[in-house]
């Protein structure tokens, strides 16, 4: 049976992951309600559509940071739960209680978790993400490719626990991008900077 510490750790990680930094920053920055802009998504790509590059960069860092923080805190408190705390933060980002469980797509948060849990997988994620973004200028292609690269890197590095959690997260990322995938297939997916 899970201990009280485990329960509190996972709930705390979920609540941390639930913080919608994109919405908070755009409101504080006077850019309005992010859910009424562009795609309506709460992530950095949609923040970029406000024309505020600094807010978009801050959203990217904070969304990644909250995933990394969940893992690092768990490593100090209960190391065997670090990956699962990261997963709880990831679910918090995708399905935040504060936004009626309608959250982001998880790319930046998964990157932060991957870097903190087993950094080579995080590096593989980042390199593939940036390479595919540069090649296609489509954020969704970069994010999807990076998310898939992380569990592959973990498998290549002999990290079975990381493979399990990262594969689960990658599948969620694909699911949350299903609309993007449809638009990619029919050629209507916008490039970065397009509305």
N, C-alpha and C. Protein backbone atom coordinates (compact mmCIF):
# COMPACT_ATOMS: atom_id res chain seq x y z
N UNK A 1 0.85 -1.19 0.00
CA UNK A 1 0.00 0.00 0.00
C UNK A 1 0.89 1.25 0.00
N UNK A 2 0.59 2.23 -0.85
CA UNK A 2 1.42 3.44 -0.89
C UNK A 2 1.43 4.17 0.45
N UNK A 3 2.59 4.72 0.78
CA UNK A 3 2.71 5.46 2.04
C UNK A 3 2.09 6.84 1.89
N UNK A 4 1.90 7.50 3.03
CA UNK A 4 1.39 8.87 3.02
C UNK A 4 2.36 9.77 2.26
N UNK A 5 3.66 9.52 2.45
CA UNK A 5 4.68 10.33 1.75
C UNK A 5 4.53 10.20 0.24
N UNK A 6 4.34 8.96 -0.23
CA UNK A 6 4.18 8.73 -1.66
C UNK A 6 2.95 9.47 -2.18
N UNK A 7 1.85 9.35 -1.45
CA UNK A 7 0.60 10.00 -1.85
C UNK A 7 0.78 11.51 -1.94
N UNK A 8 1.38 12.09 -0.89
CA UNK A 8 1.57 13.54 -0.88
C UNK A 8 2.53 13.99 -1.97
N UNK A 9 3.54 13.17 -2.23
CA UNK A 9 4.51 13.50 -3.27
C UNK A 9 3.84 13.55 -4.65
N UNK A 10 3.01 12.56 -4.93
CA UNK A 10 2.35 12.50 -6.23
C UNK A 10 1.30 13.60 -6.39
N UNK A 11 0.55 13.85 -5.32
CA UNK A 11 -0.45 14.94 -5.38
C UNK A 11 0.24 16.28 -5.55
N UNK A 12 1.34 16.48 -4.80
CA UNK A 12 2.09 17.73 -4.91
C UNK A 12 2.66 17.91 -6.30
N UNK A 13 3.16 16.82 -6.90
CA UNK A 13 3.72 16.88 -8.26
C UNK A 13 2.62 17.21 -9.26
N UNK A 14 1.46 16.59 -9.09
CA UNK A 14 0.33 16.89 -9.98
C UNK A 14 -0.06 18.36 -9.89
N UNK A 15 -0.16 18.88 -8.69
CA UNK A 15 -0.56 20.28 -8.51
C UNK A 15 0.50 21.23 -9.08
N UNK A 16 1.76 20.87 -8.91
CA UNK A 16 2.84 21.67 -9.51
C UNK A 16 2.71 21.68 -11.03
N UNK A 17 2.50 20.50 -11.60
CA UNK A 17 2.34 20.41 -13.04
C UNK A 17 1.11 21.14 -13.55
N UNK A 18 0.12 21.30 -12.70
CA UNK A 18 -1.13 21.96 -13.08
C UNK A 18 -1.03 23.47 -13.21
N UNK A 19 0.06 24.06 -12.76
CA UNK A 19 0.18 25.52 -12.84
C UNK A 19 0.26 25.92 -14.32
N UNK A 20 -0.72 26.69 -14.82
CA UNK A 20 -0.74 27.06 -16.24
C UNK A 20 0.09 28.32 -16.49
N UNK A 21 1.39 28.15 -16.57
CA UNK A 21 2.28 29.31 -16.68
C UNK A 21 1.98 30.17 -17.91
N UNK A 22 1.59 29.55 -19.02
CA UNK A 22 1.27 30.33 -20.21
C UNK A 22 0.15 31.33 -19.95
N UNK A 23 -0.91 30.87 -19.29
CA UNK A 23 -2.03 31.74 -18.97
C UNK A 23 -1.62 32.81 -17.97
N UNK A 24 -0.90 32.40 -16.92
CA UNK A 24 -0.47 33.35 -15.89
C UNK A 24 0.40 34.45 -16.49
N UNK A 25 1.38 34.06 -17.29
CA UNK A 25 2.32 35.05 -17.84
C UNK A 25 1.66 35.99 -18.85
N UNK A 26 0.78 35.45 -19.70
CA UNK A 26 0.14 36.33 -20.68
C UNK A 26 -0.81 37.31 -20.00
N UNK A 27 -1.46 36.88 -18.94
CA UNK A 27 -2.33 37.81 -18.21
C UNK A 27 -1.51 38.87 -17.51
N UNK A 28 -0.46 38.45 -16.83
CA UNK A 28 0.41 39.41 -16.14
C UNK A 28 1.07 40.36 -17.13
N UNK A 29 1.37 39.86 -18.33
CA UNK A 29 2.03 40.67 -19.34
C UNK A 29 1.08 41.52 -20.15
N UNK A 30 -0.21 41.46 -19.83
CA UNK A 30 -1.19 42.28 -20.52
C UNK A 30 -1.56 41.78 -21.91
N UNK A 31 -1.32 40.50 -22.18
CA UNK A 31 -1.62 39.96 -23.51
C UNK A 31 -2.99 39.29 -23.59
N UNK A 32 -3.75 39.35 -22.52
CA UNK A 32 -5.10 38.79 -22.53
C UNK A 32 -5.14 37.33 -22.12
N UNK A 33 -6.31 36.71 -22.38
CA UNK A 33 -6.54 35.31 -22.04
C UNK A 33 -6.01 34.44 -23.16
N UNK A 34 -4.98 33.66 -22.88
CA UNK A 34 -4.32 32.84 -23.89
C UNK A 34 -5.29 31.88 -24.56
N UNK A 35 -6.31 31.44 -23.84
CA UNK A 35 -7.26 30.48 -24.40
C UNK A 35 -8.15 31.10 -25.47
N UNK A 36 -8.10 32.43 -25.59
CA UNK A 36 -8.88 33.13 -26.62
C UNK A 36 -8.00 33.58 -27.79
N UNK A 37 -6.76 33.11 -27.80
CA UNK A 37 -5.78 33.54 -28.81
C UNK A 37 -5.32 32.32 -29.61
N UNK A 38 -5.14 32.50 -30.92
CA UNK A 38 -4.58 31.44 -31.76
C UNK A 38 -5.30 30.12 -31.62
N UNK A 39 -4.56 29.07 -31.25
CA UNK A 39 -5.12 27.74 -31.11
C UNK A 39 -5.88 27.55 -29.81
N UNK A 40 -5.69 28.49 -28.87
CA UNK A 40 -6.32 28.35 -27.57
C UNK A 40 -5.53 27.49 -26.60
N UNK A 41 -4.43 26.92 -27.08
CA UNK A 41 -3.60 26.08 -26.23
C UNK A 41 -2.82 26.94 -25.23
N UNK A 42 -2.42 26.33 -24.11
CA UNK A 42 -1.77 27.11 -23.04
C UNK A 42 -0.25 27.05 -23.09
N UNK A 43 0.31 26.46 -24.14
CA UNK A 43 1.76 26.29 -24.21
C UNK A 43 2.50 27.43 -24.87
N UNK A 44 3.82 27.27 -24.93
CA UNK A 44 4.70 28.34 -25.43
C UNK A 44 4.46 28.69 -26.89
N UNK A 45 4.12 27.69 -27.71
CA UNK A 45 3.89 27.98 -29.14
C UNK A 45 2.74 28.96 -29.31
N UNK A 46 1.67 28.76 -28.53
CA UNK A 46 0.54 29.68 -28.64
C UNK A 46 0.85 31.03 -28.00
N UNK A 47 1.66 31.04 -26.95
CA UNK A 47 2.08 32.32 -26.37
C UNK A 47 2.84 33.13 -27.41
N UNK A 48 3.62 32.45 -28.24
CA UNK A 48 4.37 33.12 -29.30
C UNK A 48 3.44 33.84 -30.27
N UNK A 49 2.23 33.34 -30.42
CA UNK A 49 1.26 33.97 -31.32
C UNK A 49 0.77 35.33 -30.79
N UNK A 50 1.04 35.62 -29.53
CA UNK A 50 0.70 36.94 -29.00
C UNK A 50 1.71 37.98 -29.46
N UNK A 51 2.82 37.53 -30.06
CA UNK A 51 3.88 38.44 -30.46
C UNK A 51 4.87 38.74 -29.37
N UNK A 52 4.73 38.09 -28.22
CA UNK A 52 5.59 38.35 -27.07
C UNK A 52 6.58 37.19 -26.92
N UNK A 53 7.73 37.32 -27.59
CA UNK A 53 8.73 36.25 -27.59
C UNK A 53 9.28 35.98 -26.20
N UNK A 54 9.44 37.02 -25.40
CA UNK A 54 9.94 36.83 -24.04
C UNK A 54 8.99 36.02 -23.19
N UNK A 55 7.70 36.28 -23.33
CA UNK A 55 6.70 35.50 -22.58
C UNK A 55 6.68 34.05 -23.06
N UNK A 56 6.85 33.86 -24.37
CA UNK A 56 6.88 32.50 -24.91
C UNK A 56 8.09 31.73 -24.36
N UNK A 57 9.24 32.39 -24.33
CA UNK A 57 10.45 31.73 -23.80
C UNK A 57 10.29 31.42 -22.33
N UNK A 58 9.71 32.35 -21.57
CA UNK A 58 9.49 32.12 -20.13
C UNK A 58 8.52 30.97 -19.91
N UNK A 59 7.48 30.89 -20.74
CA UNK A 59 6.52 29.79 -20.63
C UNK A 59 7.20 28.45 -20.89
N UNK A 60 8.03 28.41 -21.92
CA UNK A 60 8.77 27.19 -22.24
C UNK A 60 9.64 26.75 -21.07
N UNK A 61 10.38 27.69 -20.50
CA UNK A 61 11.28 27.37 -19.39
C UNK A 61 10.52 26.94 -18.14
N UNK A 62 9.43 27.64 -17.84
CA UNK A 62 8.67 27.31 -16.63
C UNK A 62 7.90 26.00 -16.77
N UNK A 63 7.35 25.75 -17.96
CA UNK A 63 6.66 24.47 -18.17
C UNK A 63 7.64 23.31 -18.10
N UNK A 64 8.84 23.50 -18.65
CA UNK A 64 9.87 22.47 -18.50
C UNK A 64 10.37 22.37 -17.08
N UNK A 65 10.51 23.54 -16.45
CA UNK A 65 11.04 23.58 -15.08
C UNK A 65 10.16 22.89 -14.07
N UNK A 66 8.84 23.00 -14.24
CA UNK A 66 7.96 22.37 -13.25
C UNK A 66 8.05 20.84 -13.35
N UNK A 67 8.26 20.32 -14.56
CA UNK A 67 8.45 18.88 -14.70
C UNK A 67 9.76 18.43 -14.08
N UNK A 68 10.82 19.19 -14.34
CA UNK A 68 12.12 18.87 -13.75
C UNK A 68 12.08 18.98 -12.24
N UNK A 69 11.41 20.01 -11.72
CA UNK A 69 11.33 20.22 -10.27
C UNK A 69 10.64 19.05 -9.58
N UNK A 70 9.57 18.54 -10.19
CA UNK A 70 8.86 17.40 -9.60
C UNK A 70 9.78 16.20 -9.46
N UNK A 71 10.60 15.94 -10.48
CA UNK A 71 11.54 14.82 -10.44
C UNK A 71 12.62 15.05 -9.38
N UNK A 72 13.19 16.23 -9.38
CA UNK A 72 14.30 16.53 -8.46
C UNK A 72 13.86 16.53 -7.01
N UNK A 73 12.67 17.04 -6.73
CA UNK A 73 12.15 17.02 -5.36
C UNK A 73 11.94 15.57 -4.91
N UNK A 74 11.36 14.77 -5.80
CA UNK A 74 11.14 13.35 -5.46
C UNK A 74 12.45 12.62 -5.24
N UNK A 75 13.48 12.96 -6.01
CA UNK A 75 14.78 12.32 -5.83
C UNK A 75 15.34 12.57 -4.43
N UNK A 76 15.01 13.72 -3.86
CA UNK A 76 15.47 14.04 -2.50
C UNK A 76 14.61 13.38 -1.43
N UNK A 77 13.31 13.24 -1.72
CA UNK A 77 12.37 12.74 -0.71
C UNK A 77 12.19 11.23 -0.78
N UNK A 78 11.98 10.72 -1.98
CA UNK A 78 11.71 9.30 -2.19
C UNK A 78 12.20 8.93 -3.59
N UNK A 79 13.49 8.63 -3.73
CA UNK A 79 14.11 8.46 -5.05
C UNK A 79 13.42 7.47 -5.97
N UNK A 80 12.86 6.40 -5.41
CA UNK A 80 12.22 5.40 -6.27
C UNK A 80 10.94 5.91 -6.92
N UNK A 81 10.46 7.08 -6.47
CA UNK A 81 9.24 7.65 -7.03
C UNK A 81 9.52 8.82 -7.97
N UNK A 82 10.79 9.08 -8.27
CA UNK A 82 11.14 10.28 -9.05
C UNK A 82 10.47 10.29 -10.42
N UNK A 83 10.56 9.18 -11.15
CA UNK A 83 9.94 9.13 -12.47
C UNK A 83 8.43 9.27 -12.38
N UNK A 84 7.84 8.67 -11.36
CA UNK A 84 6.39 8.72 -11.22
C UNK A 84 5.92 10.11 -10.79
N UNK A 85 6.73 10.79 -10.02
CA UNK A 85 6.41 12.18 -9.67
C UNK A 85 6.45 13.04 -10.93
N UNK A 86 7.44 12.78 -11.79
CA UNK A 86 7.48 13.48 -13.07
C UNK A 86 6.24 13.20 -13.89
N UNK A 87 5.82 11.94 -13.92
CA UNK A 87 4.61 11.58 -14.67
C UNK A 87 3.38 12.27 -14.10
N UNK A 88 3.33 12.40 -12.77
CA UNK A 88 2.19 13.09 -12.13
C UNK A 88 2.17 14.57 -12.52
N UNK A 89 3.35 15.20 -12.57
CA UNK A 89 3.42 16.60 -13.00
C UNK A 89 3.00 16.73 -14.46
N UNK A 90 3.39 15.77 -15.27
CA UNK A 90 3.03 15.75 -16.69
C UNK A 90 1.51 15.67 -16.85
N UNK A 91 0.89 14.76 -16.11
CA UNK A 91 -0.58 14.64 -16.16
C UNK A 91 -1.23 15.93 -15.66
N UNK A 92 -0.61 16.55 -14.65
CA UNK A 92 -1.12 17.83 -14.16
C UNK A 92 -1.11 18.89 -15.24
N UNK A 93 -0.07 18.90 -16.06
CA UNK A 93 0.00 19.88 -17.15
C UNK A 93 -1.06 19.60 -18.21
N UNK A 94 -1.24 18.33 -18.55
CA UNK A 94 -2.22 17.97 -19.57
C UNK A 94 -3.65 18.15 -19.09
N UNK A 95 -3.88 17.83 -17.81
CA UNK A 95 -5.24 17.84 -17.26
C UNK A 95 -5.26 18.59 -15.92
N UNK A 96 -5.06 19.91 -15.96
CA UNK A 96 -4.97 20.69 -14.73
C UNK A 96 -6.32 20.92 -14.06
N UNK A 97 -6.36 20.70 -12.78
CA UNK A 97 -7.60 20.88 -12.03
C UNK A 97 -8.09 22.33 -12.12
N UNK A 98 -7.15 23.28 -12.23
CA UNK A 98 -7.52 24.70 -12.25
C UNK A 98 -8.24 25.11 -13.54
N UNK A 99 -8.06 24.33 -14.60
CA UNK A 99 -8.64 24.68 -15.91
C UNK A 99 -9.66 23.64 -16.36
N UNK A 100 -10.33 23.03 -15.39
CA UNK A 100 -11.35 22.01 -15.68
C UNK A 100 -10.76 20.87 -16.51
N UNK A 101 -9.50 20.54 -16.21
CA UNK A 101 -8.79 19.40 -16.81
C UNK A 101 -8.55 19.56 -18.31
N UNK A 102 -8.49 20.81 -18.77
CA UNK A 102 -8.21 21.09 -20.18
C UNK A 102 -6.91 21.86 -20.26
N UNK A 103 -5.79 21.14 -20.42
CA UNK A 103 -4.48 21.77 -20.34
C UNK A 103 -3.70 21.74 -21.64
N UNK A 104 -2.38 21.70 -21.49
CA UNK A 104 -1.48 21.78 -22.64
C UNK A 104 -1.19 20.44 -23.27
N UNK A 105 -0.20 20.44 -24.15
CA UNK A 105 0.12 19.23 -24.92
C UNK A 105 1.33 18.48 -24.37
N UNK A 106 2.04 19.07 -23.42
CA UNK A 106 3.02 18.34 -22.65
C UNK A 106 4.44 18.29 -23.15
N UNK A 107 4.75 18.92 -24.27
CA UNK A 107 6.09 18.78 -24.85
C UNK A 107 7.17 19.35 -23.93
N UNK A 108 7.03 20.62 -23.54
CA UNK A 108 8.06 21.25 -22.69
C UNK A 108 8.16 20.56 -21.34
N UNK A 109 7.02 20.18 -20.77
CA UNK A 109 7.03 19.51 -19.47
C UNK A 109 7.71 18.15 -19.56
N UNK A 110 7.45 17.41 -20.62
CA UNK A 110 8.13 16.12 -20.80
C UNK A 110 9.62 16.31 -20.99
N UNK A 111 10.02 17.36 -21.69
CA UNK A 111 11.44 17.63 -21.87
C UNK A 111 12.11 17.86 -20.52
N UNK A 112 11.50 18.68 -19.67
CA UNK A 112 12.06 18.93 -18.34
C UNK A 112 12.17 17.67 -17.51
N UNK A 113 11.14 16.84 -17.56
CA UNK A 113 11.15 15.57 -16.83
C UNK A 113 12.27 14.67 -17.34
N UNK A 114 12.41 14.59 -18.65
CA UNK A 114 13.44 13.72 -19.25
C UNK A 114 14.84 14.17 -18.86
N UNK A 115 15.07 15.48 -18.89
CA UNK A 115 16.38 16.00 -18.52
C UNK A 115 16.72 15.69 -17.07
N UNK A 116 15.73 15.82 -16.19
CA UNK A 116 15.97 15.60 -14.75
C UNK A 116 16.05 14.12 -14.40
N UNK A 117 15.27 13.29 -15.09
CA UNK A 117 15.22 11.87 -14.75
C UNK A 117 16.42 11.10 -15.28
N UNK A 118 16.78 11.33 -16.52
CA UNK A 118 17.96 10.69 -17.13
C UNK A 118 18.40 11.59 -18.27
N UNK A 119 19.37 12.44 -18.01
CA UNK A 119 19.67 13.56 -18.90
C UNK A 119 19.98 13.18 -20.36
N UNK A 120 20.61 12.00 -20.64
CA UNK A 120 20.83 11.70 -22.07
C UNK A 120 19.52 11.62 -22.87
N UNK A 121 18.45 11.12 -22.24
CA UNK A 121 17.16 11.08 -22.93
C UNK A 121 16.65 12.50 -23.17
N UNK A 122 16.87 13.36 -22.19
CA UNK A 122 16.47 14.76 -22.35
C UNK A 122 17.24 15.46 -23.45
N UNK A 123 18.53 15.16 -23.53
CA UNK A 123 19.35 15.75 -24.59
C UNK A 123 18.88 15.26 -25.96
N UNK A 124 18.61 13.95 -26.06
CA UNK A 124 18.10 13.40 -27.32
C UNK A 124 16.79 14.08 -27.71
N UNK A 125 15.90 14.25 -26.72
CA UNK A 125 14.63 14.94 -26.92
C UNK A 125 14.88 16.33 -27.50
N UNK A 126 15.74 17.10 -26.83
CA UNK A 126 15.98 18.49 -27.23
C UNK A 126 16.59 18.59 -28.61
N UNK A 127 17.59 17.74 -28.89
CA UNK A 127 18.28 17.79 -30.18
C UNK A 127 17.31 17.46 -31.32
N UNK A 128 16.54 16.40 -31.14
CA UNK A 128 15.59 15.99 -32.19
C UNK A 128 14.50 17.04 -32.36
N UNK A 129 13.99 17.56 -31.24
CA UNK A 129 12.96 18.60 -31.28
C UNK A 129 13.45 19.81 -32.10
N UNK A 130 14.63 20.31 -31.72
CA UNK A 130 15.14 21.50 -32.39
C UNK A 130 15.49 21.23 -33.86
N UNK A 131 16.03 20.04 -34.14
CA UNK A 131 16.38 19.71 -35.52
C UNK A 131 15.14 19.63 -36.40
N UNK A 132 14.11 18.98 -35.91
CA UNK A 132 12.88 18.85 -36.71
C UNK A 132 12.14 20.18 -36.81
N UNK A 133 12.21 20.97 -35.77
CA UNK A 133 11.61 22.31 -35.83
C UNK A 133 12.32 23.16 -36.88
N UNK A 134 13.65 23.09 -36.90
CA UNK A 134 14.43 23.86 -37.88
C UNK A 134 14.15 23.38 -39.31
N UNK A 135 14.00 22.07 -39.48
CA UNK A 135 13.77 21.51 -40.82
C UNK A 135 12.38 21.82 -41.35
N UNK A 136 11.37 21.76 -40.48
CA UNK A 136 9.99 21.87 -40.94
C UNK A 136 9.32 23.19 -40.59
N UNK A 137 9.89 23.90 -39.60
CA UNK A 137 9.28 25.13 -39.07
C UNK A 137 7.87 24.87 -38.54
N UNK A 138 7.63 23.66 -38.10
CA UNK A 138 6.34 23.30 -37.51
C UNK A 138 6.59 22.78 -36.09
N UNK A 139 6.06 23.52 -35.13
CA UNK A 139 6.29 23.18 -33.73
C UNK A 139 5.81 21.77 -33.40
N UNK A 140 4.67 21.38 -33.97
CA UNK A 140 4.12 20.07 -33.67
C UNK A 140 5.05 18.94 -34.12
N UNK A 141 5.67 19.09 -35.27
CA UNK A 141 6.59 18.06 -35.78
C UNK A 141 7.80 17.94 -34.85
N UNK A 142 8.33 19.09 -34.44
CA UNK A 142 9.46 19.07 -33.51
C UNK A 142 9.11 18.42 -32.19
N UNK A 143 7.98 18.83 -31.62
CA UNK A 143 7.57 18.30 -30.33
C UNK A 143 7.28 16.81 -30.37
N UNK A 144 6.55 16.38 -31.38
CA UNK A 144 6.23 14.95 -31.51
C UNK A 144 7.50 14.12 -31.70
N UNK A 145 8.40 14.61 -32.54
CA UNK A 145 9.64 13.87 -32.80
C UNK A 145 10.50 13.78 -31.56
N UNK A 146 10.62 14.89 -30.82
CA UNK A 146 11.40 14.88 -29.60
C UNK A 146 10.83 13.94 -28.56
N UNK A 147 9.49 13.96 -28.42
CA UNK A 147 8.85 13.09 -27.42
C UNK A 147 9.09 11.62 -27.73
N UNK A 148 9.07 11.26 -29.00
CA UNK A 148 9.31 9.87 -29.39
C UNK A 148 10.79 9.51 -29.20
N UNK A 149 11.67 10.48 -29.38
CA UNK A 149 13.11 10.22 -29.25
C UNK A 149 13.52 9.87 -27.82
N UNK A 150 12.82 10.45 -26.82
CA UNK A 150 13.23 10.24 -25.43
C UNK A 150 13.16 8.78 -24.99
N UNK A 151 12.03 8.07 -25.17
CA UNK A 151 12.03 6.65 -24.75
C UNK A 151 12.97 5.79 -25.59
N UNK A 152 13.18 6.16 -26.85
CA UNK A 152 14.13 5.40 -27.68
C UNK A 152 15.54 5.55 -27.10
N UNK A 153 15.89 6.79 -26.71
CA UNK A 153 17.21 7.02 -26.11
C UNK A 153 17.35 6.27 -24.79
N UNK A 154 16.27 6.26 -23.99
CA UNK A 154 16.31 5.54 -22.71
C UNK A 154 16.48 4.04 -22.93
N UNK A 155 15.82 3.50 -23.95
CA UNK A 155 15.97 2.08 -24.27
C UNK A 155 17.39 1.77 -24.71
N UNK A 156 17.94 2.64 -25.54
CA UNK A 156 19.31 2.45 -26.02
C UNK A 156 20.31 2.53 -24.88
N UNK A 157 19.97 3.32 -23.84
CA UNK A 157 20.86 3.48 -22.70
C UNK A 157 20.60 2.49 -21.58
N UNK A 158 19.71 1.53 -21.79
CA UNK A 158 19.45 0.51 -20.78
C UNK A 158 18.78 1.04 -19.54
N UNK A 159 17.77 1.88 -19.73
CA UNK A 159 17.02 2.48 -18.61
C UNK A 159 15.56 2.02 -18.68
N UNK A 160 15.27 0.80 -18.25
CA UNK A 160 13.92 0.24 -18.44
C UNK A 160 12.81 1.03 -17.75
N UNK A 161 13.07 1.51 -16.54
CA UNK A 161 12.03 2.29 -15.84
C UNK A 161 11.73 3.58 -16.58
N UNK A 162 12.78 4.24 -17.05
CA UNK A 162 12.61 5.48 -17.80
C UNK A 162 11.88 5.22 -19.11
N UNK A 163 12.19 4.09 -19.75
CA UNK A 163 11.51 3.74 -21.01
C UNK A 163 10.01 3.66 -20.78
N UNK A 164 9.60 2.98 -19.73
CA UNK A 164 8.18 2.78 -19.44
C UNK A 164 7.46 4.12 -19.26
N UNK A 165 8.01 4.97 -18.40
CA UNK A 165 7.36 6.25 -18.11
C UNK A 165 7.42 7.18 -19.32
N UNK A 166 8.58 7.25 -19.97
CA UNK A 166 8.71 8.16 -21.12
C UNK A 166 7.87 7.71 -22.30
N UNK A 167 7.73 6.41 -22.50
CA UNK A 167 6.88 5.92 -23.57
C UNK A 167 5.43 6.29 -23.31
N UNK A 168 5.01 6.15 -22.04
CA UNK A 168 3.65 6.56 -21.68
C UNK A 168 3.42 8.03 -21.94
N UNK A 169 4.40 8.86 -21.57
CA UNK A 169 4.26 10.30 -21.82
C UNK A 169 4.24 10.60 -23.30
N UNK A 170 5.09 9.93 -24.06
CA UNK A 170 5.13 10.15 -25.51
C UNK A 170 3.79 9.83 -26.15
N UNK A 171 3.14 8.76 -25.69
CA UNK A 171 1.83 8.41 -26.23
C UNK A 171 0.79 9.49 -25.92
N UNK A 172 0.87 10.06 -24.72
CA UNK A 172 -0.02 11.16 -24.37
C UNK A 172 0.25 12.38 -25.26
N UNK A 173 1.52 12.66 -25.52
CA UNK A 173 1.87 13.79 -26.39
C UNK A 173 1.27 13.57 -27.78
N UNK A 174 1.38 12.36 -28.30
CA UNK A 174 0.80 12.06 -29.61
C UNK A 174 -0.72 12.25 -29.56
N UNK A 175 -1.35 11.76 -28.52
CA UNK A 175 -2.80 11.89 -28.39
C UNK A 175 -3.21 13.36 -28.34
N UNK A 176 -2.50 14.17 -27.58
CA UNK A 176 -2.85 15.58 -27.46
C UNK A 176 -2.59 16.34 -28.76
N UNK A 177 -1.76 15.79 -29.62
CA UNK A 177 -1.46 16.42 -30.91
C UNK A 177 -2.29 15.85 -32.06
N UNK A 178 -3.34 15.09 -31.77
CA UNK A 178 -4.08 14.43 -32.83
C UNK A 178 -4.66 15.43 -33.85
N UNK A 179 -5.08 16.61 -33.37
CA UNK A 179 -5.56 17.63 -34.30
C UNK A 179 -4.44 18.14 -35.19
N UNK A 180 -3.25 18.32 -34.61
CA UNK A 180 -2.10 18.74 -35.40
C UNK A 180 -1.74 17.70 -36.44
N UNK A 181 -1.81 16.43 -36.05
CA UNK A 181 -1.47 15.35 -36.97
C UNK A 181 -2.42 15.36 -38.16
N UNK A 182 -3.70 15.56 -37.88
CA UNK A 182 -4.69 15.65 -38.97
C UNK A 182 -4.35 16.79 -39.91
N UNK A 183 -3.99 17.95 -39.34
CA UNK A 183 -3.64 19.10 -40.18
C UNK A 183 -2.34 18.87 -40.94
N UNK A 184 -1.40 18.17 -40.34
CA UNK A 184 -0.16 17.84 -41.05
C UNK A 184 -0.45 16.96 -42.26
N UNK A 185 -1.34 16.01 -42.08
CA UNK A 185 -1.67 15.09 -43.16
C UNK A 185 -2.41 15.78 -44.30
N UNK A 186 -3.23 16.79 -43.96
CA UNK A 186 -3.95 17.47 -45.04
C UNK A 186 -3.28 18.78 -45.48
N UNK A 187 -2.09 19.06 -44.91
CA UNK A 187 -1.29 20.20 -45.36
C UNK A 187 -1.72 21.55 -44.85
N UNK A 188 -2.49 21.59 -43.77
CA UNK A 188 -2.97 22.88 -43.25
C UNK A 188 -2.33 23.29 -41.93
N UNK A 189 -1.36 22.49 -41.44
CA UNK A 189 -0.72 22.83 -40.17
C UNK A 189 0.15 24.09 -40.35
N UNK A 190 -0.07 25.13 -39.52
CA UNK A 190 0.70 26.36 -39.69
C UNK A 190 2.17 26.18 -39.26
N UNK A 191 3.01 27.00 -39.87
CA UNK A 191 4.41 27.05 -39.47
C UNK A 191 4.56 27.98 -38.28
N UNK A 192 5.68 27.90 -37.59
CA UNK A 192 5.94 28.77 -36.44
C UNK A 192 5.89 30.22 -36.90
N UNK A 193 5.15 31.03 -36.16
CA UNK A 193 5.01 32.44 -36.49
C UNK A 193 3.75 32.75 -37.26
N UNK A 194 3.15 31.70 -37.87
CA UNK A 194 1.88 31.89 -38.56
C UNK A 194 0.73 31.76 -37.59
N UNK A 195 -0.35 32.45 -37.84
CA UNK A 195 -1.51 32.38 -36.95
C UNK A 195 -2.48 31.29 -37.39
